[in-house]
Amino acid sequence: MNAWKIAWFEYRRRIRSKWFIIGTFGMPILILLISLGTGYMAGTGAGIETKNFGLIDETGFYGRQLSLALDQRFADKETPPFNLAVSNGSFESLQTQFDVLVTDKTLDGYFVIPADFFSNPLLRNYSRSSSSMRSTDIIESELKELLIKEKARSLKLSDEVLDEIFFDVDVSHFDLGSSEERETEELIAEYIAPFVFMFLLFLGIFTGGQLLLRAVLEERSSRVIEVLLSTVSYNELMAGKILGLGMLGLTQSTIYLIGTFFAGNYYDLSLLTPTIGLLYFTYFILGYLLYAGIYIGVGALFDSEQEAQQAIQIITFIAIIPMVLWTMVIENPNSTLVNVLSYIPLVTPFFMMIKIAVGETTIFQILTTIIIMIISVFGSIRLAAKVFRTGILLYGKRITLPEIYRWMKA
């Protein structure tokens, strides 16, 4: 009973905080603004610095053709990614001059098309940094197309035949059994949706975990914890805090999922299904309880938040692995690496949320990962309780790893 009173107190106190309201509603708006802003800048070329490259053309032919092809490619861009200055001549006679131009930063680098490029298509690049790799890829693709056309002409193929050979393929996307073509915006939304669910899960779990850590540290440093423990037991206090801040995370996640549901309906997209919603909350609860045990155990060991955050860093680094690999998971949801990572409890909720949203998982995998998470939660909470009971009232004493190990074994 005392645990529920503490849980309700923590929940009510935090949910009334202006920072919770600002964070809950302000975070999606901020993310949306950043996404739209970066997309706009990428589309308009804002923030792109035009690089300057030189080109030594020993053939006296491909450099001019390449320059025309690039002008046509970037004709609709206000800010082209790079300018290309073509010089015909031998590399031996122009190397020193171009090296000086790169050294004094007049040029970002230069390319060399050798005299035997037709029979030996090797493009050489000299630059002062690896930032020219994107530009090199563009030049490589344009030169490859020019060379293919030139080889085709050497076989005495007419322009009409070349037009028949070189063409673009358009792809239309359809749902199974449907004759209506899918919109590009719908495909993009479905591609990004698994990341959104995984990110919301991550945000909810770690928001609750960080609040839990901070609450324990605040009460420990102010000695309020001693007053609380005079009226409730260690287990009731720990359970109350975990439950209270867990309910706060559930509230936040519910708000986000409702927003996702209505946003999907507005654009006629079925992003949030009952199955996804049910499994989202299942993995949220299990993931939160797992990390809550870790956070409350760490909070009981340190007197300052700075020391506690340093201790928790390694866990945080592991947890962001799904954030880094999300595109790989979406494109290869059943690869061996993804399946192995899906069974590691610290990242199981995040990987499984992506796989579920993509629709590339099995009932067996869902059940086994849930069982693994339940076992891990039991171990996390059990060990946290032992550390919390022993370490919460130790002040001014640096606790060693052997001591923590003894507490866990007790």
Protein backbone atom coordinates (compact mmCIF):
# COMPACT_ATOMS: atom_id res chain seq x y z
CA MET A 1 0.00 0.00 0.00
CA ASN A 2 2.81 2.41 0.88
CA ALA A 3 4.46 1.68 -2.45
CA TRP A 4 1.35 2.84 -4.33
CA LYS A 5 1.17 6.01 -2.23
CA ILE A 6 4.78 6.79 -3.11
CA ALA A 7 4.11 5.94 -6.76
CA TRP A 8 1.10 8.26 -6.91
CA PHE A 9 3.04 11.04 -5.17
CA GLU A 10 5.94 10.76 -7.63
CA TYR A 11 3.59 10.60 -10.61
CA ARG A 12 1.46 13.56 -9.53
CA ARG A 13 4.49 15.68 -8.63
CA ARG A 14 6.26 15.07 -11.93
CA ILE A 15 3.29 15.30 -14.26
CA ARG A 16 2.43 18.75 -12.89
CA SER A 17 5.93 19.98 -13.64
CA LYS A 18 6.11 22.55 -16.42
CA TRP A 19 9.25 20.85 -17.69
CA PHE A 20 7.37 17.59 -18.18
CA ILE A 21 4.71 19.41 -20.21
CA ILE A 22 7.31 21.33 -22.21
CA GLY A 23 9.34 18.18 -22.83
CA THR A 24 6.35 16.01 -23.76
CA PHE A 25 4.83 18.42 -26.28
CA GLY A 26 7.90 20.43 -27.15
CA MET A 27 10.09 17.45 -28.12
CA PRO A 28 7.93 16.30 -31.07
CA ILE A 29 7.59 19.88 -32.30
CA LEU A 30 11.35 20.40 -32.05
CA ILE A 31 12.08 17.14 -33.88
CA LEU A 32 9.55 18.04 -36.58
CA LEU A 33 11.06 21.50 -37.05
CA ILE A 34 14.58 20.07 -37.23
CA SER A 35 13.50 17.40 -39.74
CA LEU A 36 11.64 19.87 -41.94
CA GLY A 37 14.41 22.43 -41.62
CA THR A 38 17.20 20.05 -42.56
CA GLY A 39 15.08 18.66 -45.40
CA TYR A 40 14.49 22.17 -46.70
CA MET A 41 18.19 23.04 -46.46
CA ALA A 42 19.14 19.83 -48.25
CA GLY A 43 16.62 20.54 -51.00
CA THR A 44 17.59 24.17 -51.52
CA GLY A 45 21.33 23.65 -51.09
CA ALA A 46 21.50 25.94 -48.07
CA GLY A 47 24.60 25.29 -46.02
CA ILE A 48 26.37 23.58 -48.92
CA GLU A 49 29.80 24.92 -49.71
CA THR A 50 30.73 24.78 -53.39
CA LYS A 51 34.06 23.01 -53.77
CA ASN A 52 36.52 23.84 -56.50
CA PHE A 53 38.31 21.06 -58.34
CA GLY A 54 40.72 21.00 -61.22
CA LEU A 55 40.89 18.39 -63.95
CA ILE A 56 43.96 17.49 -65.99
CA ASP A 57 42.68 15.87 -69.18
CA GLU A 58 45.38 14.04 -71.10
CA THR A 59 42.83 12.83 -73.67
CA GLY A 60 41.70 16.32 -74.69
CA PHE A 61 38.16 14.95 -75.05
CA TYR A 62 36.58 13.59 -71.88
CA GLY A 63 37.22 16.70 -69.80
CA ARG A 64 35.08 18.92 -72.02
CA GLN A 65 32.32 16.30 -72.26
CA LEU A 66 32.37 15.82 -68.50
CA SER A 67 32.10 19.56 -67.90
CA LEU A 68 29.03 19.78 -70.16
CA ALA A 69 27.41 16.78 -68.45
CA LEU A 70 27.95 18.29 -64.99
CA ASP A 71 26.55 21.67 -66.09
CA GLN A 72 23.42 19.88 -67.25
CA ARG A 73 23.19 17.82 -64.05
CA PHE A 74 23.40 20.87 -61.77
CA ALA A 75 21.43 23.25 -64.00
CA ASP A 76 18.46 23.43 -61.60
CA LYS A 77 20.59 23.96 -58.47
CA GLU A 78 21.30 27.45 -57.18
CA THR A 79 24.43 26.18 -55.45
CA PRO A 80 26.22 23.33 -57.27
CA PRO A 81 28.22 21.00 -55.00
CA PHE A 82 31.43 21.73 -56.92
CA ASN A 83 32.99 23.57 -59.84
CA LEU A 84 35.32 21.82 -62.24
CA ALA A 85 38.09 23.68 -64.10
CA VAL A 86 39.39 21.60 -67.03
CA SER A 87 42.96 21.87 -68.33
CA ASN A 88 44.19 19.87 -71.32
CA GLY A 89 47.78 18.66 -71.15
CA SER A 90 50.05 16.07 -69.61
CA PHE A 91 50.10 15.31 -65.90
CA GLU A 92 53.90 15.72 -65.78
CA SER A 93 53.77 19.28 -67.08
CA LEU A 94 50.82 20.41 -64.93
CA GLN A 95 51.34 18.51 -61.67
CA THR A 96 53.46 21.13 -59.92
CA GLN A 97 51.07 23.92 -60.82
CA PHE A 98 48.02 22.02 -59.56
CA ASP A 99 49.79 20.87 -56.37
CA VAL A 100 50.48 24.53 -55.53
CA LEU A 101 46.83 25.46 -56.15
CA VAL A 102 45.71 22.70 -53.75
CA THR A 103 48.33 23.61 -51.15
CA ASP A 104 47.31 27.28 -51.06
CA LYS A 105 43.63 26.16 -50.95
CA THR A 106 42.64 27.70 -54.27
CA LEU A 107 41.52 24.19 -55.21
CA ASP A 108 40.12 21.50 -52.94
CA GLY A 109 41.77 18.89 -55.16
CA TYR A 110 42.16 17.79 -58.75
CA PHE A 111 41.54 14.81 -60.99
CA VAL A 112 43.58 13.29 -63.76
CA ILE A 113 42.15 11.55 -66.83
CA PRO A 114 45.10 9.62 -68.32
CA ALA A 115 45.74 9.39 -72.04
CA ASP A 116 44.75 5.71 -72.18
CA PHE A 117 41.45 6.26 -70.37
CA PHE A 118 39.40 4.66 -73.16
CA SER A 119 41.20 1.30 -72.84
CA ASN A 120 42.14 1.63 -69.16
CA PRO A 121 39.39 3.64 -67.37
CA LEU A 122 41.30 4.76 -64.27
CA LEU A 123 40.54 8.20 -62.80
CA ARG A 124 43.13 9.60 -60.38
CA ASN A 125 42.24 12.00 -57.58
CA TYR A 126 44.63 14.24 -55.62
CA SER A 127 43.10 16.15 -52.70
CA ARG A 128 43.98 17.50 -49.27
CA SER A 129 41.17 15.72 -47.40
CA SER A 130 38.64 12.90 -47.71
CA SER A 131 35.76 15.38 -48.04
CA SER A 132 36.00 15.05 -51.85
CA MET A 133 34.66 11.47 -51.82
CA ARG A 134 31.07 12.50 -52.67
CA SER A 135 32.30 14.66 -55.55
CA THR A 136 34.47 11.80 -56.77
CA ASP A 137 31.45 9.50 -56.89
CA ILE A 138 29.52 11.99 -59.04
CA ILE A 139 32.39 12.47 -61.47
CA GLU A 140 32.95 8.72 -61.63
CA SER A 141 29.30 8.05 -62.55
CA GLU A 142 29.27 10.75 -65.25
CA LEU A 143 32.55 9.56 -66.74
CA LYS A 144 31.32 5.98 -66.75
CA GLU A 145 28.26 6.97 -68.76
CA LEU A 146 30.38 8.98 -71.20
CA LEU A 147 32.79 6.10 -71.64
CA ILE A 148 29.99 3.58 -72.24
CA LYS A 149 28.49 5.80 -74.93
CA GLU A 150 31.92 6.31 -76.52
CA LYS A 151 32.56 2.56 -76.57
CA ALA A 152 29.12 2.04 -78.11
CA ARG A 153 29.94 4.56 -80.85
CA SER A 154 33.24 2.79 -81.49
CA LEU A 155 31.11 -0.23 -82.35
CA LYS A 156 29.40 1.97 -84.98
CA LEU A 157 26.05 2.07 -83.20
CA SER A 158 23.78 4.90 -84.40
CA ASP A 159 22.34 7.58 -82.12
CA GLU A 160 18.91 5.96 -82.52
CA VAL A 161 20.29 2.67 -81.23
CA LEU A 162 22.03 4.47 -78.35
CA ASP A 163 18.74 6.13 -77.39
CA GLU A 164 17.15 2.68 -77.30
CA ILE A 165 19.95 1.28 -75.15
CA PHE A 166 20.28 4.10 -72.60
CA PHE A 167 17.02 4.74 -70.75
CA ASP A 168 15.66 5.11 -67.22
CA VAL A 169 13.33 2.63 -65.55
CA ASP A 170 10.38 3.96 -63.54
CA VAL A 171 9.12 1.83 -60.65
CA SER A 172 5.51 1.79 -59.46
CA HIS A 173 4.61 0.32 -56.06
CA PHE A 174 1.40 -1.56 -55.26
CA ASP A 175 -0.04 -3.39 -52.28
CA LEU A 176 -0.79 -7.08 -52.74
CA GLY A 177 -4.12 -7.49 -54.52
CA SER A 178 -4.45 -3.76 -55.18
CA SER A 179 -4.53 -1.97 -58.54
CA GLU A 180 -3.98 1.47 -57.04
CA GLU A 181 -0.43 2.80 -57.19
CA ARG A 182 1.08 3.85 -53.87
CA GLU A 183 2.25 7.41 -53.36
CA THR A 184 5.90 8.18 -52.72
CA GLU A 185 5.00 10.01 -49.51
CA GLU A 186 3.26 6.87 -48.23
CA LEU A 187 6.32 4.73 -48.93
CA ILE A 188 8.59 7.22 -47.15
CA ALA A 189 6.26 7.36 -44.14
CA GLU A 190 6.16 3.56 -43.85
CA TYR A 191 9.95 3.42 -44.13
CA ILE A 192 10.43 5.96 -41.34
CA ALA A 193 7.60 4.70 -39.08
CA PRO A 194 9.65 1.82 -37.51
CA PHE A 195 12.33 4.32 -36.49
CA VAL A 196 9.67 6.61 -35.01
CA PHE A 197 8.26 3.80 -32.85
CA MET A 198 11.74 2.76 -31.75
CA PHE A 199 12.69 6.38 -30.95
CA LEU A 200 9.51 6.95 -28.92
CA LEU A 201 10.22 3.76 -26.99
CA PHE A 202 13.79 4.89 -26.35
CA LEU A 203 12.63 8.36 -25.30
CA GLY A 204 10.03 7.03 -22.87
CA ILE A 205 12.32 4.47 -21.24
CA PHE A 206 15.26 6.78 -20.76
CA THR A 207 13.19 9.78 -19.71
CA GLY A 208 11.76 7.69 -16.90
CA GLY A 209 15.18 6.22 -16.08
CA GLN A 210 16.87 9.60 -15.87
CA LEU A 211 14.09 11.01 -13.67
CA LEU A 212 14.39 7.97 -11.43
CA LEU A 213 18.15 8.43 -11.09
CA ARG A 214 17.77 12.13 -10.36
CA ALA A 215 15.01 11.56 -7.78
CA VAL A 216 17.11 9.05 -5.84
CA LEU A 217 20.19 11.32 -5.94
CA GLU A 218 18.23 14.38 -4.80
CA GLU A 219 16.67 12.62 -1.84
CA ARG A 220 19.92 10.90 -0.96
CA SER A 221 22.00 14.10 -1.01
CA SER A 222 19.41 16.06 1.00
CA ARG A 223 19.02 13.21 3.55
CA VAL A 224 15.26 13.10 2.84
CA ILE A 225 15.74 9.39 2.19
CA GLU A 226 16.40 8.85 5.91
CA VAL A 227 13.02 10.36 6.83
CA LEU A 228 11.23 8.26 4.21
CA LEU A 229 12.88 5.06 5.39
CA SER A 230 11.67 5.73 8.94
CA THR A 231 8.08 5.23 7.73
CA VAL A 232 8.35 2.80 4.80
CA SER A 233 10.54 -0.17 3.96
CA TYR A 234 13.38 -0.17 1.42
CA ASN A 235 11.39 -2.31 -0.99
CA GLU A 236 8.28 -0.11 -0.73
CA LEU A 237 10.30 3.03 -1.37
CA MET A 238 12.09 1.55 -4.38
CA ALA A 239 8.92 0.03 -5.81
CA GLY A 240 7.00 3.27 -5.35
CA LYS A 241 9.57 5.31 -7.22
CA ILE A 242 9.85 2.79 -10.06
CA LEU A 243 6.08 2.55 -10.46
CA GLY A 244 5.44 6.29 -10.20
CA LEU A 245 7.97 7.31 -12.83
CA GLY A 246 6.99 4.31 -14.94
CA MET A 247 3.41 5.62 -15.05
CA LEU A 248 4.82 8.97 -16.10
CA GLY A 249 6.63 7.30 -19.00
CA LEU A 250 3.44 5.42 -19.95
CA THR A 251 1.52 8.69 -19.98
CA GLN A 252 4.10 10.30 -22.23
CA SER A 253 4.18 7.31 -24.58
CA THR A 254 0.38 7.21 -24.76
CA ILE A 255 0.31 10.86 -25.80
CA TYR A 256 2.88 10.20 -28.52
CA LEU A 257 1.09 7.11 -29.85
CA ILE A 258 -2.25 8.94 -29.97
CA GLY A 259 -0.55 11.71 -31.93
CA THR A 260 0.97 9.12 -34.30
CA PHE A 261 -2.43 7.47 -34.79
CA PHE A 262 -4.19 10.71 -35.73
CA ALA A 263 -1.30 11.83 -37.93
CA GLY A 264 -1.48 8.53 -39.81
CA ASN A 265 -5.25 8.79 -40.21
CA TYR A 266 -4.94 12.34 -41.51
CA TYR A 267 -2.72 11.09 -44.34
CA ASP A 268 -4.72 7.82 -44.77
CA LEU A 269 -1.83 5.74 -43.44
CA SER A 270 -2.24 2.78 -41.09
CA LEU A 271 0.95 3.41 -39.12
CA LEU A 272 -0.33 2.32 -35.71
CA THR A 273 -2.20 -0.99 -35.56
CA PRO A 274 -3.62 -2.63 -32.39
CA THR A 275 -0.86 -5.26 -32.54
CA ILE A 276 1.91 -2.66 -32.77
CA GLY A 277 0.31 -0.66 -29.94
CA LEU A 278 -0.01 -3.69 -27.64
CA LEU A 279 3.55 -4.87 -28.25
CA TYR A 280 4.86 -1.31 -27.92
CA PHE A 281 3.51 -1.06 -24.38
CA THR A 282 4.68 -4.59 -23.57
CA TYR A 283 8.27 -3.82 -24.56
CA PHE A 284 8.04 -0.38 -22.97
CA ILE A 285 7.08 -1.80 -19.58
CA LEU A 286 9.72 -4.54 -19.71
CA GLY A 287 12.41 -2.20 -21.03
CA TYR A 288 11.62 0.46 -18.46
CA LEU A 289 11.70 -2.00 -15.55
CA LEU A 290 15.03 -3.40 -16.76
CA TYR A 291 16.64 0.03 -16.96
CA ALA A 292 14.86 1.21 -13.79
CA GLY A 293 16.69 -1.48 -11.84
CA ILE A 294 20.00 -0.29 -13.29
CA TYR A 295 19.31 3.41 -12.71
CA ILE A 296 18.01 3.06 -9.16
CA GLY A 297 20.95 0.80 -8.29
CA VAL A 298 23.44 3.34 -9.64
CA GLY A 299 21.61 6.18 -7.88
CA ALA A 300 22.03 4.41 -4.56
CA LEU A 301 25.81 4.25 -4.98
CA PHE A 302 26.75 7.88 -5.65
CA ASP A 303 26.38 11.23 -3.92
CA SER A 304 26.48 13.40 -7.06
CA GLU A 305 24.69 13.23 -10.40
CA GLN A 306 27.95 13.80 -12.29
CA GLU A 307 29.52 10.63 -10.86
CA ALA A 308 26.32 8.66 -11.47
CA GLN A 309 26.11 9.78 -15.11
CA GLN A 310 29.71 8.75 -15.69
CA ALA A 311 28.95 5.31 -14.27
CA ILE A 312 25.86 4.91 -16.46
CA GLN A 313 27.57 5.98 -19.71
CA ILE A 314 28.52 2.48 -20.80
CA ILE A 315 24.85 1.38 -20.55
CA THR A 316 23.76 4.42 -22.55
CA PHE A 317 26.30 3.69 -25.29
CA ILE A 318 24.97 0.14 -25.62
CA ALA A 319 21.36 1.37 -25.73
CA ILE A 320 21.99 3.72 -28.68
CA ILE A 321 23.21 0.87 -30.91
CA PRO A 322 19.69 0.47 -32.41
CA MET A 323 19.64 4.22 -33.13
CA VAL A 324 22.77 3.81 -35.22
CA LEU A 325 21.72 0.61 -37.00
CA TRP A 326 18.04 1.35 -37.65
CA THR A 327 18.35 1.57 -41.45
CA MET A 328 20.18 -1.75 -41.53
CA VAL A 329 17.45 -3.35 -39.39
CA ILE A 330 14.68 -2.03 -41.67
CA GLU A 331 16.42 -3.27 -44.81
CA ASN A 332 17.74 -6.55 -43.30
CA PRO A 333 15.35 -7.38 -40.43
CA ASN A 334 16.10 -11.11 -40.49
CA SER A 335 19.86 -11.00 -40.89
CA THR A 336 21.92 -13.04 -38.44
CA LEU A 337 23.36 -9.91 -36.79
CA VAL A 338 19.94 -8.32 -36.23
CA ASN A 339 18.47 -11.55 -34.86
CA VAL A 340 21.39 -11.98 -32.44
CA LEU A 341 21.13 -8.37 -31.25
CA SER A 342 17.38 -8.81 -30.75
CA TYR A 343 18.10 -11.30 -27.95
CA ILE A 344 20.39 -8.99 -25.96
CA PRO A 345 18.10 -7.63 -23.19
CA LEU A 346 19.56 -4.10 -23.08
CA VAL A 347 18.61 -3.51 -26.73
CA THR A 348 15.87 -6.12 -27.26
CA PRO A 349 12.91 -3.69 -26.98
CA PHE A 350 14.34 -1.30 -29.56
CA PHE A 351 15.34 -3.89 -32.17
CA MET A 352 12.09 -5.80 -31.74
CA MET A 353 10.03 -2.64 -32.10
CA ILE A 354 11.62 -1.98 -35.50
CA LYS A 355 11.12 -5.59 -36.62
CA ILE A 356 7.47 -5.56 -35.48
CA ALA A 357 6.74 -2.26 -37.25
CA VAL A 358 8.37 -3.59 -40.43
CA GLY A 359 6.31 -6.77 -40.12
CA GLU A 360 9.33 -9.06 -40.28
CA THR A 361 9.21 -11.08 -37.08
CA THR A 362 7.56 -14.25 -35.81
CA ILE A 363 5.33 -15.09 -32.85
CA PHE A 364 8.08 -17.39 -31.60
CA GLN A 365 10.65 -14.58 -31.61
CA ILE A 366 8.25 -12.19 -29.90
CA LEU A 367 7.44 -14.72 -27.16
CA THR A 368 11.07 -15.73 -26.59
CA THR A 369 12.27 -12.12 -26.37
CA ILE A 370 9.46 -11.30 -23.94
CA ILE A 371 10.45 -14.28 -21.76
CA ILE A 372 14.11 -13.17 -21.89
CA MET A 373 13.06 -9.65 -20.90
CA ILE A 374 10.95 -10.92 -17.97
CA ILE A 375 13.90 -12.95 -16.66
CA SER A 376 16.23 -9.97 -17.13
CA VAL A 377 13.80 -7.64 -15.34
CA PHE A 378 13.58 -10.05 -12.40
CA GLY A 379 17.38 -10.16 -12.16
CA SER A 380 17.76 -6.38 -12.57
CA ILE A 381 15.19 -5.50 -9.90
CA ARG A 382 16.46 -8.17 -7.52
CA LEU A 383 20.08 -7.00 -7.74
CA ALA A 384 19.02 -3.34 -7.58
CA ALA A 385 17.08 -4.04 -4.37
CA LYS A 386 20.19 -5.51 -2.72
CA VAL A 387 22.35 -2.57 -3.76
CA PHE A 388 19.65 -0.05 -2.82
CA ARG A 389 19.14 -1.55 0.64
CA THR A 390 22.84 -1.48 1.48
CA GLY A 391 24.16 1.57 -0.34
CA ILE A 392 21.39 4.14 -0.02
CA LEU A 393 22.45 5.33 3.46
CA LEU A 394 26.22 5.27 2.89
CA TYR A 395 27.47 8.85 2.64
CA GLY A 396 30.95 10.15 1.87
CA LYS A 397 32.34 6.67 1.28
CA ARG A 398 33.74 5.60 -2.08
CA ILE A 399 32.17 2.25 -2.82
CA THR A 400 34.33 -0.33 -4.56
CA LEU A 401 33.34 -2.98 -7.07
CA PRO A 402 34.20 -5.87 -4.70
CA GLU A 403 31.83 -4.38 -2.13
CA ILE A 404 29.01 -4.11 -4.70
CA TYR A 405 29.66 -7.71 -5.71
CA ARG A 406 29.36 -8.85 -2.08
CA TRP A 407 26.06 -6.98 -1.69
CA MET A 408 24.66 -8.69 -4.77
CA LYS A 409 25.67 -12.11 -3.49
CA ALA A 410 24.17 -11.50 -0.07
